[in-house]
């Protein structure tokens, strides 16, 4: 029969920590009276709901940021050259202005 010291390294630190946490929860639940077990259940349910809500808010905020950036992610800032090209394509500036602005952008 193998010792626990030989088994834990095979689990990995994350799995061993989860196993220890699950064992601690079982010990706490078994040491409580009936009313305390119910209170613990609702406390765990409350914490899970808060964490789920926090996850959804962060996920929504990140998705909204990506959408607002035109699908480019957090680095969604357009370059001056892209803005100039778009203005020229829409006809907001003429060829002379476009050429002058492009030369200005290309010179250091």
N, C-alpha and C. Protein backbone atom coordinates (compact mmCIF):
# COMPACT_ATOMS: atom_id res chain seq x y z
N UNK A 1 0.84 -1.18 0.00
CA UNK A 1 0.00 0.00 0.00
C UNK A 1 0.89 1.24 0.00
N UNK A 2 0.52 2.22 -0.82
CA UNK A 2 1.32 3.43 -0.94
C UNK A 2 0.94 4.44 0.14
N UNK A 3 1.91 5.26 0.50
CA UNK A 3 1.68 6.30 1.50
C UNK A 3 1.10 7.54 0.81
N UNK A 4 0.47 8.40 1.60
CA UNK A 4 -0.15 9.60 1.05
C UNK A 4 0.89 10.52 0.41
N UNK A 5 2.11 10.52 0.94
CA UNK A 5 3.17 11.34 0.37
C UNK A 5 3.54 10.92 -1.03
N UNK A 6 3.31 9.66 -1.36
CA UNK A 6 3.59 9.19 -2.71
C UNK A 6 2.44 9.51 -3.67
N UNK A 7 1.24 9.63 -3.15
CA UNK A 7 0.07 9.87 -3.99
C UNK A 7 -0.08 11.35 -4.34
N UNK A 8 0.13 12.24 -3.38
CA UNK A 8 -0.10 13.67 -3.59
C UNK A 8 0.74 14.24 -4.72
N UNK A 9 2.05 13.92 -4.84
CA UNK A 9 2.79 14.48 -5.98
C UNK A 9 2.22 14.08 -7.33
N UNK A 10 1.60 12.91 -7.42
CA UNK A 10 1.00 12.48 -8.67
C UNK A 10 -0.24 13.30 -9.01
N UNK A 11 -0.93 13.79 -8.00
CA UNK A 11 -2.14 14.58 -8.23
C UNK A 11 -1.82 15.95 -8.81
N UNK A 12 -0.72 16.51 -8.43
CA UNK A 12 -0.42 17.89 -8.81
C UNK A 12 -0.91 18.81 -7.71
N UNK A 13 -0.32 19.97 -7.61
CA UNK A 13 -0.63 20.86 -6.50
C UNK A 13 -2.06 21.37 -6.54
N UNK A 14 -2.60 21.66 -7.72
CA UNK A 14 -3.97 22.17 -7.81
C UNK A 14 -4.99 21.12 -7.38
N UNK A 15 -4.82 19.90 -7.86
CA UNK A 15 -5.76 18.84 -7.49
C UNK A 15 -5.65 18.49 -6.01
N UNK A 16 -4.42 18.50 -5.49
CA UNK A 16 -4.24 18.22 -4.06
C UNK A 16 -4.91 19.29 -3.21
N UNK A 17 -4.81 20.55 -3.64
CA UNK A 17 -5.45 21.64 -2.91
C UNK A 17 -6.97 21.50 -2.96
N UNK A 18 -7.51 21.16 -4.12
CA UNK A 18 -8.96 20.96 -4.23
C UNK A 18 -9.42 19.79 -3.38
N UNK A 19 -8.63 18.73 -3.35
CA UNK A 19 -8.98 17.57 -2.52
C UNK A 19 -8.97 17.94 -1.05
N UNK A 20 -7.98 18.72 -0.61
CA UNK A 20 -7.91 19.15 0.78
C UNK A 20 -9.08 20.07 1.12
N UNK A 21 -9.45 20.97 0.21
CA UNK A 21 -10.58 21.87 0.45
C UNK A 21 -11.88 21.08 0.54
N UNK A 22 -12.06 20.11 -0.33
CA UNK A 22 -13.27 19.29 -0.27
C UNK A 22 -13.33 18.51 1.03
N UNK A 23 -12.20 17.97 1.46
CA UNK A 23 -12.15 17.25 2.72
C UNK A 23 -12.50 18.17 3.89
N UNK A 24 -11.98 19.41 3.87
CA UNK A 24 -12.27 20.37 4.94
C UNK A 24 -13.75 20.71 4.97
N UNK A 25 -14.37 20.87 3.81
CA UNK A 25 -15.81 21.17 3.76
C UNK A 25 -16.61 20.01 4.33
N UNK A 26 -16.23 18.79 3.99
CA UNK A 26 -16.94 17.62 4.52
C UNK A 26 -16.80 17.56 6.04
N UNK A 27 -15.61 17.82 6.56
CA UNK A 27 -15.41 17.81 8.01
C UNK A 27 -16.26 18.87 8.68
N UNK A 28 -16.31 20.06 8.12
CA UNK A 28 -17.11 21.15 8.71
C UNK A 28 -18.58 20.79 8.68
N UNK A 29 -19.06 20.26 7.57
CA UNK A 29 -20.48 19.91 7.46
C UNK A 29 -20.85 18.82 8.45
N UNK A 30 -20.00 17.82 8.58
CA UNK A 30 -20.31 16.72 9.49
C UNK A 30 -20.26 17.14 10.95
N UNK A 31 -19.53 18.21 11.26
CA UNK A 31 -19.43 18.64 12.65
C UNK A 31 -20.54 19.62 13.04
N UNK A 32 -21.41 19.99 12.12
CA UNK A 32 -22.46 20.96 12.41
C UNK A 32 -23.76 20.27 12.78
N UNK A 33 -24.61 21.08 13.42
CA UNK A 33 -25.96 20.58 13.68
C UNK A 33 -26.79 20.76 12.41
N UNK A 34 -28.02 20.31 12.43
CA UNK A 34 -28.88 20.38 11.26
C UNK A 34 -29.12 21.79 10.75
N UNK A 35 -29.36 22.75 11.64
CA UNK A 35 -29.63 24.12 11.23
C UNK A 35 -28.40 24.76 10.61
N UNK A 36 -27.24 24.45 11.15
CA UNK A 36 -26.01 25.04 10.63
C UNK A 36 -25.69 24.52 9.23
N UNK A 37 -26.05 23.27 8.95
CA UNK A 37 -25.82 22.72 7.62
C UNK A 37 -26.66 23.48 6.60
N UNK A 38 -27.90 23.77 6.95
CA UNK A 38 -28.76 24.55 6.05
C UNK A 38 -28.22 25.95 5.83
N UNK A 39 -27.73 26.57 6.89
CA UNK A 39 -27.15 27.91 6.76
C UNK A 39 -25.91 27.87 5.87
N UNK A 40 -25.10 26.83 6.04
CA UNK A 40 -23.91 26.70 5.21
C UNK A 40 -24.29 26.53 3.75
N UNK A 41 -25.34 25.75 3.49
CA UNK A 41 -25.80 25.55 2.12
C UNK A 41 -26.18 26.88 1.48
N UNK A 42 -26.94 27.70 2.19
CA UNK A 42 -27.36 28.98 1.62
C UNK A 42 -26.19 29.96 1.50
N UNK A 43 -25.23 29.86 2.41
CA UNK A 43 -24.04 30.71 2.31
C UNK A 43 -23.24 30.34 1.06
N UNK A 44 -23.04 29.06 0.83
CA UNK A 44 -22.32 28.61 -0.36
C UNK A 44 -23.08 29.01 -1.61
N UNK A 45 -24.40 28.88 -1.58
CA UNK A 45 -25.23 29.28 -2.71
C UNK A 45 -25.09 30.78 -2.97
N UNK A 46 -25.07 31.58 -1.91
CA UNK A 46 -24.92 33.03 -2.03
C UNK A 46 -23.56 33.39 -2.64
N UNK A 47 -22.49 32.77 -2.14
CA UNK A 47 -21.15 33.05 -2.67
C UNK A 47 -21.07 32.65 -4.14
N UNK A 48 -21.64 31.51 -4.49
CA UNK A 48 -21.63 31.07 -5.89
C UNK A 48 -22.39 32.05 -6.78
N UNK A 49 -23.52 32.57 -6.29
CA UNK A 49 -24.30 33.54 -7.07
C UNK A 49 -23.52 34.84 -7.26
N UNK A 50 -22.85 35.30 -6.21
CA UNK A 50 -22.06 36.53 -6.32
C UNK A 50 -20.91 36.34 -7.30
N UNK A 51 -20.22 35.21 -7.23
CA UNK A 51 -19.12 34.95 -8.15
C UNK A 51 -19.62 34.83 -9.59
N UNK A 52 -20.77 34.18 -9.79
CA UNK A 52 -21.33 34.07 -11.13
C UNK A 52 -21.72 35.44 -11.68
N UNK A 53 -22.31 36.28 -10.84
CA UNK A 53 -22.69 37.62 -11.27
C UNK A 53 -21.44 38.44 -11.62
N UNK A 54 -20.41 38.33 -10.81
CA UNK A 54 -19.17 39.04 -11.09
C UNK A 54 -18.55 38.58 -12.40
N UNK A 55 -18.56 37.28 -12.64
CA UNK A 55 -18.04 36.73 -13.89
C UNK A 55 -18.82 37.28 -15.08
N UNK A 56 -20.15 37.31 -14.98
CA UNK A 56 -20.97 37.79 -16.08
C UNK A 56 -20.75 39.28 -16.34
N UNK A 57 -20.60 40.06 -15.29
CA UNK A 57 -20.36 41.50 -15.46
C UNK A 57 -19.02 41.74 -16.15
N UNK A 58 -17.98 41.03 -15.72
CA UNK A 58 -16.66 41.19 -16.35
C UNK A 58 -16.71 40.73 -17.80
N UNK A 59 -17.37 39.62 -18.05
CA UNK A 59 -17.48 39.12 -19.43
C UNK A 59 -18.23 40.10 -20.31
N UNK A 60 -19.32 40.68 -19.79
CA UNK A 60 -20.08 41.66 -20.55
C UNK A 60 -19.24 42.91 -20.82
N UNK A 61 -18.50 43.37 -19.81
CA UNK A 61 -17.69 44.58 -19.97
C UNK A 61 -16.59 44.38 -21.01
N UNK A 62 -15.96 43.22 -20.99
CA UNK A 62 -14.92 42.94 -21.98
C UNK A 62 -15.52 42.86 -23.37
N UNK A 63 -16.66 42.19 -23.50
CA UNK A 63 -17.31 42.08 -24.81
C UNK A 63 -17.74 43.45 -25.32
N UNK A 64 -18.25 44.31 -24.44
CA UNK A 64 -18.66 45.65 -24.84
C UNK A 64 -17.44 46.47 -25.27
N UNK A 65 -16.34 46.30 -24.58
CA UNK A 65 -15.12 47.01 -24.97
C UNK A 65 -14.61 46.58 -26.32
N UNK A 66 -14.70 45.31 -26.62
CA UNK A 66 -14.27 44.81 -27.92
C UNK A 66 -15.21 45.30 -29.01
N UNK A 67 -16.51 45.30 -28.71
CA UNK A 67 -17.49 45.78 -29.69
C UNK A 67 -17.27 47.26 -29.99
N UNK A 68 -17.04 48.06 -28.95
CA UNK A 68 -16.84 49.50 -29.13
C UNK A 68 -15.55 49.80 -29.89
N UNK A 69 -14.59 48.91 -29.79
CA UNK A 69 -13.32 49.11 -30.48
C UNK A 69 -13.36 48.58 -31.90
N UNK A 70 -14.53 48.22 -32.39
CA UNK A 70 -14.64 47.74 -33.76
C UNK A 70 -14.13 46.34 -33.95
N UNK A 71 -14.18 45.53 -32.91
CA UNK A 71 -13.73 44.14 -33.02
C UNK A 71 -12.22 43.99 -32.96
N UNK A 72 -11.52 45.05 -32.62
CA UNK A 72 -10.06 44.97 -32.60
C UNK A 72 -9.51 44.65 -31.23
N UNK A 73 -10.34 44.43 -30.25
CA UNK A 73 -9.87 44.12 -28.91
C UNK A 73 -9.52 45.39 -28.16
N UNK A 74 -8.74 45.25 -27.11
CA UNK A 74 -8.39 46.39 -26.29
C UNK A 74 -7.42 47.32 -26.99
N UNK A 75 -6.68 46.82 -27.96
CA UNK A 75 -5.78 47.66 -28.73
C UNK A 75 -6.50 48.15 -29.97
N UNK A 76 -7.70 48.69 -29.82
CA UNK A 76 -8.55 49.04 -30.95
C UNK A 76 -8.33 50.42 -31.51
N UNK A 77 -7.33 51.13 -31.08
CA UNK A 77 -7.10 52.47 -31.60
C UNK A 77 -6.64 52.38 -33.05
N UNK A 78 -7.28 53.19 -33.90
CA UNK A 78 -6.89 53.22 -35.31
C UNK A 78 -5.67 54.12 -35.47
N UNK A 79 -4.88 53.82 -36.46
CA UNK A 79 -3.72 54.66 -36.75
C UNK A 79 -4.18 55.88 -37.52
N UNK A 80 -3.33 56.90 -37.53
CA UNK A 80 -3.65 58.12 -38.27
C UNK A 80 -3.77 57.82 -39.76
N UNK A 81 -2.97 56.90 -40.25
CA UNK A 81 -3.03 56.54 -41.68
C UNK A 81 -4.37 55.90 -42.02
N UNK A 82 -4.88 55.04 -41.16
CA UNK A 82 -6.18 54.41 -41.41
C UNK A 82 -7.30 55.45 -41.43
N UNK A 83 -7.24 56.39 -40.51
CA UNK A 83 -8.25 57.45 -40.47
C UNK A 83 -8.17 58.30 -41.73
N UNK A 84 -6.95 58.63 -42.15
CA UNK A 84 -6.77 59.42 -43.37
C UNK A 84 -7.31 58.68 -44.58
N UNK A 85 -7.00 57.38 -44.69
CA UNK A 85 -7.50 56.59 -45.82
C UNK A 85 -9.03 56.55 -45.84
N UNK A 86 -9.64 56.40 -44.67
CA UNK A 86 -11.11 56.36 -44.60
C UNK A 86 -11.72 57.69 -45.00
N UNK A 87 -11.13 58.78 -44.56
CA UNK A 87 -11.66 60.11 -44.92
C UNK A 87 -11.55 60.34 -46.42
N UNK A 88 -10.46 59.90 -47.02
CA UNK A 88 -10.28 60.04 -48.47
C UNK A 88 -11.28 59.17 -49.22
N UNK A 89 -11.49 57.95 -48.73
CA UNK A 89 -12.44 57.04 -49.37
C UNK A 89 -13.87 57.57 -49.31
N UNK A 90 -14.21 58.26 -48.23
CA UNK A 90 -15.56 58.83 -48.10
C UNK A 90 -15.71 60.13 -48.87
N UNK A 91 -14.62 60.67 -49.36
CA UNK A 91 -14.68 61.91 -50.11
C UNK A 91 -14.64 63.15 -49.24
N UNK A 92 -14.27 63.02 -47.99
CA UNK A 92 -14.21 64.18 -47.10
C UNK A 92 -13.03 65.08 -47.43
N UNK A 93 -11.97 64.51 -48.00
CA UNK A 93 -10.81 65.31 -48.40
C UNK A 93 -10.47 64.97 -49.84
N UNK A 94 -9.88 65.92 -50.52
CA UNK A 94 -9.52 65.73 -51.92
C UNK A 94 -8.15 65.09 -52.06
N UNK A 95 -7.76 64.80 -53.33
CA UNK A 95 -6.47 64.15 -53.56
C UNK A 95 -5.28 64.99 -53.12
N UNK A 96 -5.38 66.32 -53.26
CA UNK A 96 -4.26 67.17 -52.85
C UNK A 96 -4.07 67.12 -51.33
N UNK A 97 -5.18 67.27 -50.61
CA UNK A 97 -5.10 67.21 -49.15
C UNK A 97 -4.64 65.84 -48.67
N UNK A 98 -5.12 64.80 -49.35
CA UNK A 98 -4.74 63.44 -48.97
C UNK A 98 -3.23 63.24 -49.15
N UNK A 99 -2.71 63.66 -50.32
CA UNK A 99 -1.28 63.50 -50.59
C UNK A 99 -0.43 64.27 -49.61
N UNK A 100 -0.84 65.52 -49.29
CA UNK A 100 -0.09 66.34 -48.35
C UNK A 100 -0.10 65.70 -46.95
N UNK A 101 -1.28 65.26 -46.51
CA UNK A 101 -1.38 64.65 -45.17
C UNK A 101 -0.60 63.34 -45.11
N UNK A 102 -0.62 62.59 -46.19
CA UNK A 102 0.11 61.32 -46.21
C UNK A 102 1.61 61.57 -46.12
N UNK A 103 2.10 62.58 -46.86
CA UNK A 103 3.53 62.91 -46.77
C UNK A 103 3.89 63.37 -45.36
N UNK A 104 3.00 64.15 -44.75
CA UNK A 104 3.26 64.61 -43.38
C UNK A 104 3.35 63.44 -42.41
N UNK A 105 2.50 62.45 -42.62
CA UNK A 105 2.51 61.29 -41.72
C UNK A 105 3.75 60.42 -41.92
N UNK A 106 4.25 60.37 -43.16
CA UNK A 106 5.38 59.50 -43.45
C UNK A 106 6.72 60.12 -43.07
N UNK A 107 6.77 61.44 -42.93
CA UNK A 107 8.04 62.06 -42.53
C UNK A 107 8.15 62.05 -41.01
N UNK A 108 9.34 61.70 -40.51
CA UNK A 108 9.49 61.62 -39.04
C UNK A 108 9.51 62.96 -38.36
